[in-house]
């Protein structure tokens, strides 16, 4: 499974692509899409075009985006929300399913502690993806988001398999009871 993680930002949108094969993770690529200037619409357009290009280039099968937290500056929060809208729109346009994760959930999945600092997160991403070099802190965060989603998706698949397996056993047992009652 190939996953793109996206760390929304209006000036710097981090992205990271990993591949998960069973429980093994492999780094594919990471980077930062930069936007600058005063015209918000042009900045959002640049973020969208860059993210569309990354998705087309690396062909992920699923995406994950960090949820926005609300801070004291309402204007900054609103602008970040617009960048997050782009982070959700581009993968949706490509037909990808999208997982959304709170910052503490990402840290807990990658580090084991929900209040880890950036250095701890980067260290654990390096442990999970040996040899990786980050294009910057936003790219490292995006890789952490992708890892979180990969782990979450794997857990969901295991749960579904367990439920389906149990259901098959229940059907088989039920069929056996019916056969015995007929005979």
N, C-alpha and C. Protein backbone atom coordinates (compact mmCIF):
# COMPACT_ATOMS: atom_id res chain seq x y z
N UNK A 1 0.85 -1.17 0.00
CA UNK A 1 0.00 0.00 0.00
C UNK A 1 0.90 1.24 0.00
N UNK A 2 0.64 2.16 -0.88
CA UNK A 2 1.40 3.41 -0.96
C UNK A 2 0.55 4.54 -0.36
N UNK A 3 1.15 5.27 0.58
CA UNK A 3 0.45 6.30 1.35
C UNK A 3 1.14 7.64 1.18
N UNK A 4 0.36 8.69 0.97
CA UNK A 4 0.89 10.05 1.03
C UNK A 4 0.38 10.70 2.30
N UNK A 5 1.30 11.26 3.06
CA UNK A 5 0.95 12.05 4.23
C UNK A 5 1.11 13.52 3.88
N UNK A 6 0.19 14.34 4.34
CA UNK A 6 0.21 15.77 4.01
C UNK A 6 0.11 16.58 5.29
N UNK A 7 1.09 17.47 5.46
CA UNK A 7 1.11 18.40 6.59
C UNK A 7 0.70 19.76 6.05
N UNK A 8 -0.57 20.16 6.26
CA UNK A 8 -1.05 21.39 5.64
C UNK A 8 -0.36 22.63 6.20
N UNK A 9 -0.06 23.53 5.32
CA UNK A 9 0.50 24.82 5.69
C UNK A 9 0.32 25.77 4.53
N UNK A 10 0.11 27.02 4.81
CA UNK A 10 -0.13 27.99 3.74
C UNK A 10 1.17 28.40 3.05
N UNK A 11 2.24 28.54 3.80
CA UNK A 11 3.54 28.88 3.21
C UNK A 11 4.33 27.64 2.82
N UNK A 12 4.25 26.61 3.66
CA UNK A 12 4.99 25.36 3.44
C UNK A 12 4.07 24.18 3.70
N UNK A 13 3.73 23.45 2.63
CA UNK A 13 2.90 22.26 2.76
C UNK A 13 3.82 21.05 2.61
N UNK A 14 4.00 20.32 3.71
CA UNK A 14 4.86 19.14 3.66
C UNK A 14 4.12 17.95 3.10
N UNK A 15 4.86 17.11 2.40
CA UNK A 15 4.29 15.86 1.89
C UNK A 15 5.34 14.76 2.02
N UNK A 16 4.86 13.55 2.21
CA UNK A 16 5.74 12.40 2.29
C UNK A 16 5.03 11.16 1.80
N UNK A 17 5.72 10.37 1.00
CA UNK A 17 5.13 9.16 0.43
C UNK A 17 5.93 7.96 0.94
N UNK A 18 5.20 6.98 1.48
CA UNK A 18 5.80 5.74 1.94
C UNK A 18 5.07 4.56 1.33
N UNK A 19 5.69 3.41 1.42
CA UNK A 19 5.05 2.18 0.98
C UNK A 19 5.06 1.21 2.15
N UNK A 20 3.96 0.51 2.33
CA UNK A 20 3.86 -0.48 3.39
C UNK A 20 3.62 -1.84 2.75
N UNK A 21 4.52 -2.78 3.06
CA UNK A 21 4.40 -4.15 2.57
C UNK A 21 4.36 -5.04 3.80
N UNK A 22 3.20 -5.51 4.16
CA UNK A 22 3.04 -6.23 5.43
C UNK A 22 3.27 -5.25 6.56
N UNK A 23 4.27 -5.52 7.36
CA UNK A 23 4.60 -4.58 8.44
C UNK A 23 5.84 -3.76 8.11
N UNK A 24 6.40 -3.95 6.92
CA UNK A 24 7.61 -3.22 6.52
C UNK A 24 7.24 -1.90 5.85
N UNK A 25 7.93 -0.84 6.27
CA UNK A 25 7.74 0.48 5.68
C UNK A 25 8.95 0.83 4.82
N UNK A 26 8.69 1.55 3.74
CA UNK A 26 9.77 1.99 2.86
C UNK A 26 9.51 3.43 2.44
N UNK A 27 10.53 4.26 2.54
CA UNK A 27 10.43 5.65 2.12
C UNK A 27 10.46 5.72 0.59
N UNK A 28 9.54 6.48 0.03
CA UNK A 28 9.52 6.70 -1.42
C UNK A 28 10.05 8.10 -1.73
N UNK A 29 9.45 9.12 -1.13
CA UNK A 29 9.87 10.50 -1.39
C UNK A 29 9.25 11.43 -0.36
N UNK A 30 9.82 12.63 -0.23
CA UNK A 30 9.21 13.66 0.61
C UNK A 30 9.64 15.02 0.10
N UNK A 31 8.88 16.03 0.48
CA UNK A 31 9.21 17.37 0.03
C UNK A 31 8.29 18.41 0.64
N UNK A 32 8.48 19.62 0.19
CA UNK A 32 7.68 20.75 0.67
C UNK A 32 7.24 21.56 -0.55
N UNK A 33 5.97 21.89 -0.57
CA UNK A 33 5.43 22.78 -1.60
C UNK A 33 5.38 24.17 -0.98
N UNK A 34 6.08 25.11 -1.60
CA UNK A 34 6.17 26.47 -1.06
C UNK A 34 5.21 27.40 -1.81
N UNK A 35 4.63 28.32 -1.08
CA UNK A 35 3.85 29.39 -1.70
C UNK A 35 4.23 30.69 -1.01
N UNK A 36 4.22 31.76 -1.76
CA UNK A 36 4.60 33.05 -1.20
C UNK A 36 3.75 34.15 -1.86
N UNK A 37 3.78 35.31 -1.26
CA UNK A 37 3.06 36.44 -1.83
C UNK A 37 1.89 36.85 -0.97
N UNK A 38 1.23 37.90 -1.41
CA UNK A 38 0.10 38.43 -0.65
C UNK A 38 -1.24 37.94 -1.17
N UNK A 39 -1.30 37.48 -2.40
CA UNK A 39 -2.55 37.06 -3.01
C UNK A 39 -2.88 35.62 -2.58
N UNK A 40 -3.83 35.49 -1.66
CA UNK A 40 -4.18 34.20 -1.10
C UNK A 40 -4.63 33.22 -2.18
N UNK A 41 -5.39 33.68 -3.15
CA UNK A 41 -5.90 32.77 -4.18
C UNK A 41 -4.75 32.17 -4.99
N UNK A 42 -3.74 32.96 -5.29
CA UNK A 42 -2.59 32.47 -6.05
C UNK A 42 -1.78 31.49 -5.20
N UNK A 43 -1.65 31.76 -3.91
CA UNK A 43 -0.93 30.85 -3.02
C UNK A 43 -1.64 29.50 -2.93
N UNK A 44 -2.97 29.54 -2.80
CA UNK A 44 -3.74 28.30 -2.74
C UNK A 44 -3.64 27.53 -4.06
N UNK A 45 -3.68 28.25 -5.17
CA UNK A 45 -3.54 27.62 -6.48
C UNK A 45 -2.19 26.93 -6.61
N UNK A 46 -1.13 27.58 -6.14
CA UNK A 46 0.20 26.99 -6.21
C UNK A 46 0.28 25.72 -5.35
N UNK A 47 -0.31 25.75 -4.16
CA UNK A 47 -0.33 24.57 -3.30
C UNK A 47 -1.09 23.43 -3.98
N UNK A 48 -2.24 23.75 -4.57
CA UNK A 48 -3.05 22.74 -5.24
C UNK A 48 -2.30 22.12 -6.42
N UNK A 49 -1.73 22.97 -7.26
CA UNK A 49 -1.00 22.46 -8.44
C UNK A 49 0.18 21.59 -8.01
N UNK A 50 0.89 22.02 -6.98
CA UNK A 50 2.03 21.24 -6.50
C UNK A 50 1.60 19.89 -5.95
N UNK A 51 0.54 19.88 -5.19
CA UNK A 51 0.07 18.62 -4.60
C UNK A 51 -0.49 17.68 -5.66
N UNK A 52 -1.20 18.22 -6.64
CA UNK A 52 -1.70 17.41 -7.75
C UNK A 52 -0.53 16.76 -8.48
N UNK A 53 0.54 17.53 -8.68
CA UNK A 53 1.74 17.01 -9.35
C UNK A 53 2.38 15.87 -8.55
N UNK A 54 2.50 16.05 -7.24
CA UNK A 54 3.09 15.02 -6.38
C UNK A 54 2.26 13.74 -6.44
N UNK A 55 0.95 13.89 -6.36
CA UNK A 55 0.06 12.72 -6.40
C UNK A 55 0.18 12.00 -7.74
N UNK A 56 0.24 12.74 -8.83
CA UNK A 56 0.39 12.13 -10.15
C UNK A 56 1.74 11.44 -10.29
N UNK A 57 2.78 12.04 -9.74
CA UNK A 57 4.14 11.50 -9.87
C UNK A 57 4.33 10.22 -9.05
N UNK A 58 3.79 10.16 -7.83
CA UNK A 58 4.08 9.04 -6.94
C UNK A 58 2.93 8.05 -6.79
N UNK A 59 1.78 8.33 -7.35
CA UNK A 59 0.63 7.42 -7.42
C UNK A 59 0.30 6.72 -6.09
N UNK A 60 0.03 7.49 -5.03
CA UNK A 60 -0.38 6.85 -3.77
C UNK A 60 -1.76 6.21 -3.91
N UNK A 61 -2.01 5.23 -3.05
CA UNK A 61 -3.31 4.56 -3.06
C UNK A 61 -4.26 5.15 -2.02
N UNK A 62 -3.71 5.86 -1.05
CA UNK A 62 -4.50 6.47 0.01
C UNK A 62 -3.74 7.68 0.54
N UNK A 63 -4.44 8.54 1.25
CA UNK A 63 -3.84 9.77 1.76
C UNK A 63 -4.21 9.99 3.22
N UNK A 64 -3.38 10.78 3.89
CA UNK A 64 -3.66 11.15 5.28
C UNK A 64 -3.29 12.61 5.46
N UNK A 65 -4.12 13.32 6.21
CA UNK A 65 -3.94 14.75 6.42
C UNK A 65 -4.04 15.04 7.91
N UNK A 66 -3.15 15.89 8.39
CA UNK A 66 -3.21 16.29 9.80
C UNK A 66 -4.39 17.24 10.00
N UNK A 67 -5.12 17.02 11.09
CA UNK A 67 -6.23 17.92 11.43
C UNK A 67 -5.67 19.24 11.93
N UNK A 68 -6.40 20.29 11.68
CA UNK A 68 -5.99 21.62 12.10
C UNK A 68 -6.36 21.84 13.56
N UNK A 69 -5.45 22.42 14.30
CA UNK A 69 -5.77 22.81 15.66
C UNK A 69 -6.09 24.30 15.65
N UNK A 70 -6.91 24.72 16.56
CA UNK A 70 -7.30 26.12 16.66
C UNK A 70 -6.34 26.83 17.61
N UNK A 71 -5.76 27.92 17.15
CA UNK A 71 -4.88 28.68 18.03
C UNK A 71 -5.51 30.03 18.35
N UNK A 72 -4.76 30.88 19.01
CA UNK A 72 -5.31 32.15 19.49
C UNK A 72 -5.58 33.14 18.36
N UNK A 73 -4.88 33.00 17.24
CA UNK A 73 -5.03 33.92 16.12
C UNK A 73 -6.07 33.36 15.14
N UNK A 74 -7.27 33.89 15.19
CA UNK A 74 -8.37 33.37 14.37
C UNK A 74 -8.09 33.51 12.87
N UNK A 75 -7.45 34.59 12.47
CA UNK A 75 -7.14 34.81 11.04
C UNK A 75 -6.16 33.74 10.55
N UNK A 76 -5.12 33.47 11.34
CA UNK A 76 -4.13 32.46 10.96
C UNK A 76 -4.78 31.07 10.91
N UNK A 77 -5.67 30.79 11.85
CA UNK A 77 -6.36 29.51 11.87
C UNK A 77 -7.24 29.35 10.62
N UNK A 78 -7.92 30.41 10.24
CA UNK A 78 -8.76 30.38 9.04
C UNK A 78 -7.93 30.13 7.79
N UNK A 79 -6.78 30.81 7.68
CA UNK A 79 -5.91 30.62 6.52
C UNK A 79 -5.36 29.20 6.48
N UNK A 80 -4.97 28.67 7.64
CA UNK A 80 -4.48 27.30 7.70
C UNK A 80 -5.59 26.33 7.28
N UNK A 81 -6.82 26.65 7.68
CA UNK A 81 -7.96 25.82 7.27
C UNK A 81 -8.14 25.81 5.76
N UNK A 82 -7.84 26.92 5.11
CA UNK A 82 -7.95 26.97 3.65
C UNK A 82 -6.87 26.10 3.01
N UNK A 83 -5.66 26.13 3.58
CA UNK A 83 -4.60 25.27 3.07
C UNK A 83 -4.96 23.80 3.30
N UNK A 84 -5.59 23.53 4.44
CA UNK A 84 -6.02 22.16 4.73
C UNK A 84 -7.10 21.71 3.73
N UNK A 85 -7.95 22.64 3.31
CA UNK A 85 -8.93 22.34 2.28
C UNK A 85 -8.27 21.86 1.00
N UNK A 86 -7.17 22.49 0.63
CA UNK A 86 -6.40 22.06 -0.55
C UNK A 86 -5.82 20.67 -0.31
N UNK A 87 -5.32 20.44 0.91
CA UNK A 87 -4.74 19.14 1.26
C UNK A 87 -5.78 18.02 1.19
N UNK A 88 -7.04 18.34 1.39
CA UNK A 88 -8.11 17.35 1.27
C UNK A 88 -8.63 17.25 -0.16
N UNK A 89 -8.67 18.39 -0.85
CA UNK A 89 -9.23 18.44 -2.21
C UNK A 89 -8.40 17.65 -3.21
N UNK A 90 -7.10 17.88 -3.24
CA UNK A 90 -6.25 17.25 -4.26
C UNK A 90 -6.31 15.72 -4.22
N UNK A 91 -6.17 15.08 -3.05
CA UNK A 91 -6.31 13.62 -3.04
C UNK A 91 -7.73 13.15 -3.38
N UNK A 92 -8.72 13.91 -2.94
CA UNK A 92 -10.11 13.54 -3.25
C UNK A 92 -10.33 13.58 -4.77
N UNK A 93 -9.76 14.58 -5.44
CA UNK A 93 -9.89 14.66 -6.90
C UNK A 93 -9.23 13.47 -7.58
N UNK A 94 -8.20 12.92 -6.95
CA UNK A 94 -7.50 11.76 -7.51
C UNK A 94 -8.20 10.45 -7.15
N UNK A 95 -9.30 10.54 -6.40
CA UNK A 95 -10.06 9.35 -6.03
C UNK A 95 -9.49 8.58 -4.85
N UNK A 96 -8.64 9.23 -4.06
CA UNK A 96 -8.03 8.56 -2.91
C UNK A 96 -8.92 8.66 -1.68
N UNK A 97 -8.92 7.61 -0.87
CA UNK A 97 -9.55 7.71 0.43
C UNK A 97 -8.59 8.51 1.31
N UNK A 98 -9.16 9.26 2.27
CA UNK A 98 -8.35 10.17 3.07
C UNK A 98 -8.63 9.93 4.55
N UNK A 99 -7.55 9.72 5.30
CA UNK A 99 -7.65 9.63 6.74
C UNK A 99 -7.23 10.96 7.34
N UNK A 100 -7.87 11.34 8.43
CA UNK A 100 -7.53 12.60 9.11
C UNK A 100 -7.16 12.26 10.54
N UNK A 101 -6.05 12.84 11.00
CA UNK A 101 -5.52 12.51 12.32
C UNK A 101 -5.14 13.77 13.09
N UNK A 102 -5.46 13.76 14.37
CA UNK A 102 -5.07 14.85 15.26
C UNK A 102 -3.56 14.77 15.50
N UNK A 103 -2.92 15.91 15.74
CA UNK A 103 -1.47 15.90 15.97
C UNK A 103 -1.05 14.93 17.08
N UNK A 104 -1.80 14.88 18.17
CA UNK A 104 -1.43 13.97 19.26
C UNK A 104 -1.56 12.50 18.87
N UNK A 105 -2.53 12.18 18.02
CA UNK A 105 -2.70 10.79 17.56
C UNK A 105 -1.52 10.39 16.68
N UNK A 106 -1.04 11.31 15.86
CA UNK A 106 0.11 11.04 14.99
C UNK A 106 1.35 10.78 15.85
N UNK A 107 1.58 11.65 16.82
CA UNK A 107 2.74 11.50 17.70
C UNK A 107 2.67 10.19 18.48
N UNK A 108 1.48 9.85 18.95
CA UNK A 108 1.33 8.61 19.72
C UNK A 108 1.61 7.40 18.84
N UNK A 109 1.14 7.43 17.60
CA UNK A 109 1.36 6.29 16.69
C UNK A 109 2.83 6.13 16.33
N UNK A 110 3.53 7.23 16.16
CA UNK A 110 4.92 7.18 15.70
C UNK A 110 5.91 7.07 16.85
N UNK A 111 5.68 7.84 17.92
CA UNK A 111 6.62 7.90 19.04
C UNK A 111 6.17 7.05 20.21
N UNK A 112 4.85 6.92 20.38
CA UNK A 112 4.32 6.21 21.55
C UNK A 112 3.84 7.15 22.63
N UNK A 113 4.06 8.47 22.42
CA UNK A 113 3.67 9.49 23.39
C UNK A 113 2.95 10.60 22.61
N UNK A 114 1.77 10.98 23.06
CA UNK A 114 0.98 11.98 22.35
C UNK A 114 1.50 13.40 22.42
N UNK A 115 2.42 13.66 23.34
CA UNK A 115 2.94 15.03 23.47
C UNK A 115 4.43 15.09 23.15
N UNK A 116 4.88 14.26 22.22
CA UNK A 116 6.29 14.25 21.83
C UNK A 116 6.64 15.55 21.10
N UNK A 117 7.90 15.94 21.19
CA UNK A 117 8.32 17.13 20.45
C UNK A 117 8.80 16.75 19.04
N UNK A 118 9.05 17.75 18.22
CA UNK A 118 9.42 17.51 16.81
C UNK A 118 10.69 16.67 16.68
N UNK A 119 11.65 16.87 17.56
CA UNK A 119 12.90 16.11 17.50
C UNK A 119 12.64 14.62 17.73
N UNK A 120 11.78 14.31 18.70
CA UNK A 120 11.43 12.91 18.97
C UNK A 120 10.71 12.30 17.77
N UNK A 121 9.79 13.05 17.18
CA UNK A 121 9.05 12.55 16.02
C UNK A 121 10.03 12.26 14.87
N UNK A 122 10.92 13.21 14.59
CA UNK A 122 11.89 13.02 13.50
C UNK A 122 12.79 11.81 13.77
N UNK A 123 13.20 11.64 15.01
CA UNK A 123 14.04 10.50 15.37
C UNK A 123 13.33 9.18 15.07
N UNK A 124 12.07 9.09 15.49
CA UNK A 124 11.32 7.85 15.28
C UNK A 124 10.98 7.63 13.80
N UNK A 125 10.77 8.69 13.05
CA UNK A 125 10.55 8.53 11.61
C UNK A 125 11.82 7.96 10.98
N UNK A 126 12.98 8.44 11.42
CA UNK A 126 14.26 7.90 10.91
C UNK A 126 14.42 6.42 11.29
N UNK A 127 13.95 6.05 12.46
CA UNK A 127 14.02 4.66 12.89
C UNK A 127 13.12 3.78 12.02
N UNK A 128 11.95 4.30 11.67
CA UNK A 128 10.98 3.54 10.87
C UNK A 128 11.39 3.48 9.39
N UNK A 129 12.07 4.55 8.94
CA UNK A 129 12.47 4.65 7.53
C UNK A 129 13.98 4.87 7.45
N UNK A 130 14.77 3.83 7.67
CA UNK A 130 16.22 3.99 7.72
C UNK A 130 16.78 4.65 6.45
N UNK A 131 17.72 5.57 6.67
CA UNK A 131 18.37 6.26 5.56
C UNK A 131 17.62 7.46 5.02
N UNK A 132 16.45 7.75 5.56
CA UNK A 132 15.66 8.87 5.05
C UNK A 132 16.34 10.19 5.37
N UNK A 133 16.26 11.12 4.44
CA UNK A 133 16.64 12.50 4.70
C UNK A 133 15.41 13.35 4.42
N UNK A 134 15.20 14.34 5.27
CA UNK A 134 14.00 15.17 5.16
C UNK A 134 14.31 16.43 4.37
N UNK A 135 13.35 16.85 3.55
CA UNK A 135 13.48 18.14 2.86
C UNK A 135 13.23 19.29 3.82
N UNK A 136 12.81 19.01 5.02
CA UNK A 136 12.55 20.02 6.04
C UNK A 136 11.62 19.46 7.09
N UNK A 137 11.39 20.23 8.15
CA UNK A 137 10.53 19.74 9.24
C UNK A 137 9.11 19.42 8.80
N UNK A 138 8.58 20.18 7.85
CA UNK A 138 7.21 19.92 7.37
C UNK A 138 7.14 18.59 6.63
N UNK A 139 8.19 18.25 5.89
CA UNK A 139 8.25 16.96 5.20
C UNK A 139 8.36 15.82 6.20
N UNK A 140 9.15 16.03 7.27
CA UNK A 140 9.27 15.01 8.32
C UNK A 140 7.91 14.78 8.98
N UNK A 141 7.19 15.86 9.25
CA UNK A 141 5.85 15.72 9.82
C UNK A 141 4.92 14.96 8.88
N UNK A 142 5.03 15.24 7.59
CA UNK A 142 4.18 14.56 6.61
C UNK A 142 4.48 13.06 6.57
N UNK A 143 5.74 12.69 6.69
CA UNK A 143 6.09 11.27 6.74
C UNK A 143 5.51 10.62 8.00
N UNK A 144 5.53 11.35 9.12
CA UNK A 144 4.93 10.83 10.35
C UNK A 144 3.43 10.62 10.16
N UNK A 145 2.77 11.52 9.46
CA UNK A 145 1.34 11.39 9.18
C UNK A 145 1.09 10.16 8.32
N UNK A 146 1.94 9.94 7.31
CA UNK A 146 1.80 8.76 6.45
C UNK A 146 2.01 7.47 7.26
N UNK A 147 3.00 7.45 8.15
CA UNK A 147 3.26 6.28 8.98
C UNK A 147 2.06 6.00 9.89
N UNK A 148 1.52 7.04 10.50
CA UNK A 148 0.33 6.90 11.35
C UNK A 148 -0.81 6.25 10.56
N UNK A 149 -1.04 6.74 9.36
CA UNK A 149 -2.13 6.21 8.53
C UNK A 149 -1.86 4.76 8.13
N UNK A 150 -0.62 4.45 7.82
CA UNK A 150 -0.28 3.07 7.45
C UNK A 150 -0.56 2.13 8.62
N UNK A 151 -0.13 2.53 9.82
CA UNK A 151 -0.38 1.71 11.01
C UNK A 151 -1.88 1.57 11.26
N UNK A 152 -2.60 2.68 11.15
CA UNK A 152 -4.05 2.66 11.39
C UNK A 152 -4.74 1.76 10.36
N UNK A 153 -4.37 1.88 9.10
CA UNK A 153 -4.99 1.07 8.04
C UNK A 153 -4.72 -0.40 8.26
N UNK A 154 -3.49 -0.72 8.70
CA UNK A 154 -3.14 -2.11 8.97
C UNK A 154 -4.00 -2.67 10.11
N UNK A 155 -4.20 -1.88 11.16
CA UNK A 155 -5.02 -2.32 12.28
C UNK A 155 -6.46 -2.54 11.84
N UNK A 156 -6.97 -1.64 10.99
CA UNK A 156 -8.35 -1.79 10.49
C UNK A 156 -8.48 -3.07 9.66
N UNK A 157 -7.49 -3.33 8.80
CA UNK A 157 -7.53 -4.55 7.98
C UNK A 157 -7.50 -5.81 8.85
N UNK A 158 -6.68 -5.80 9.90
CA UNK A 158 -6.62 -6.95 10.80
C UNK A 158 -7.94 -7.16 11.52
N UNK A 159 -8.55 -6.07 11.95
CA UNK A 159 -9.84 -6.16 12.64
C UNK A 159 -10.90 -6.71 11.69
N UNK A 160 -10.92 -6.20 10.46
CA UNK A 160 -11.90 -6.69 9.49
C UNK A 160 -11.69 -8.17 9.19
N UNK A 161 -10.43 -8.57 9.07
CA UNK A 161 -10.13 -9.97 8.80
C UNK A 161 -10.59 -10.84 9.96
N UNK A 162 -10.37 -10.36 11.18
CA UNK A 162 -10.80 -11.12 12.36
C UNK A 162 -12.31 -11.24 12.40
N UNK A 163 -12.99 -10.16 12.09
CA UNK A 163 -14.47 -10.19 12.09
C UNK A 163 -14.97 -11.12 11.00
N UNK A 164 -14.39 -11.01 9.81
CA UNK A 164 -14.81 -11.89 8.71
C UNK A 164 -14.48 -13.34 9.03
N UNK A 165 -13.33 -13.57 9.63
CA UNK A 165 -12.96 -14.93 10.01
C UNK A 165 -13.91 -15.51 11.03
N UNK A 166 -14.28 -14.72 12.04
CA UNK A 166 -15.22 -15.16 13.07
C UNK A 166 -16.58 -15.39 12.44
N UNK A 167 -16.98 -14.51 11.53
CA UNK A 167 -18.26 -14.68 10.87
C UNK A 167 -18.31 -15.97 10.07
N UNK A 168 -17.20 -16.29 9.40
CA UNK A 168 -17.14 -17.53 8.64
C UNK A 168 -17.24 -18.74 9.56
N UNK A 169 -16.59 -18.66 10.72
CA UNK A 169 -16.69 -19.76 11.69
C UNK A 169 -18.11 -19.90 12.20
N UNK A 170 -18.78 -18.79 12.46
CA UNK A 170 -20.15 -18.84 12.95
C UNK A 170 -21.08 -19.44 11.90
N UNK A 171 -20.86 -19.07 10.63
CA UNK A 171 -21.68 -19.63 9.55
C UNK A 171 -21.44 -21.12 9.45
N UNK A 172 -20.19 -21.53 9.48
CA UNK A 172 -19.85 -22.95 9.39
C UNK A 172 -20.48 -23.72 10.55
N UNK A 173 -20.38 -23.18 11.76
CA UNK A 173 -20.98 -23.85 12.92
C UNK A 173 -22.49 -23.92 12.77
N UNK A 174 -23.08 -22.85 12.28
CA UNK A 174 -24.52 -22.83 12.06
C UNK A 174 -24.96 -23.84 11.02
N UNK A 175 -24.18 -23.95 9.96
CA UNK A 175 -24.49 -24.93 8.92
C UNK A 175 -24.39 -26.35 9.48
N UNK A 176 -23.40 -26.57 10.33
CA UNK A 176 -23.25 -27.89 10.95
C UNK A 176 -24.46 -28.22 11.81
N UNK A 177 -24.96 -27.26 12.58
CA UNK A 177 -26.14 -27.50 13.41
C UNK A 177 -27.35 -27.81 12.55
N UNK A 178 -27.49 -27.11 11.44
CA UNK A 178 -28.63 -27.37 10.56
C UNK A 178 -28.54 -28.77 9.97
N UNK A 179 -27.34 -29.16 9.52
CA UNK A 179 -27.15 -30.49 8.95
C UNK A 179 -27.51 -31.59 9.96
N UNK A 180 -27.05 -31.39 11.22
CA UNK A 180 -27.33 -32.39 12.25
C UNK A 180 -28.83 -32.50 12.51
N UNK A 181 -29.53 -31.36 12.48
CA UNK A 181 -30.97 -31.39 12.76
C UNK A 181 -31.74 -32.04 11.60
N UNK A 182 -31.20 -31.90 10.38
CA UNK A 182 -31.85 -32.52 9.21
C UNK A 182 -31.65 -34.02 9.22
N UNK A 183 -30.45 -34.43 9.58
CA UNK A 183 -30.13 -35.87 9.55
C UNK A 183 -30.86 -36.53 10.64
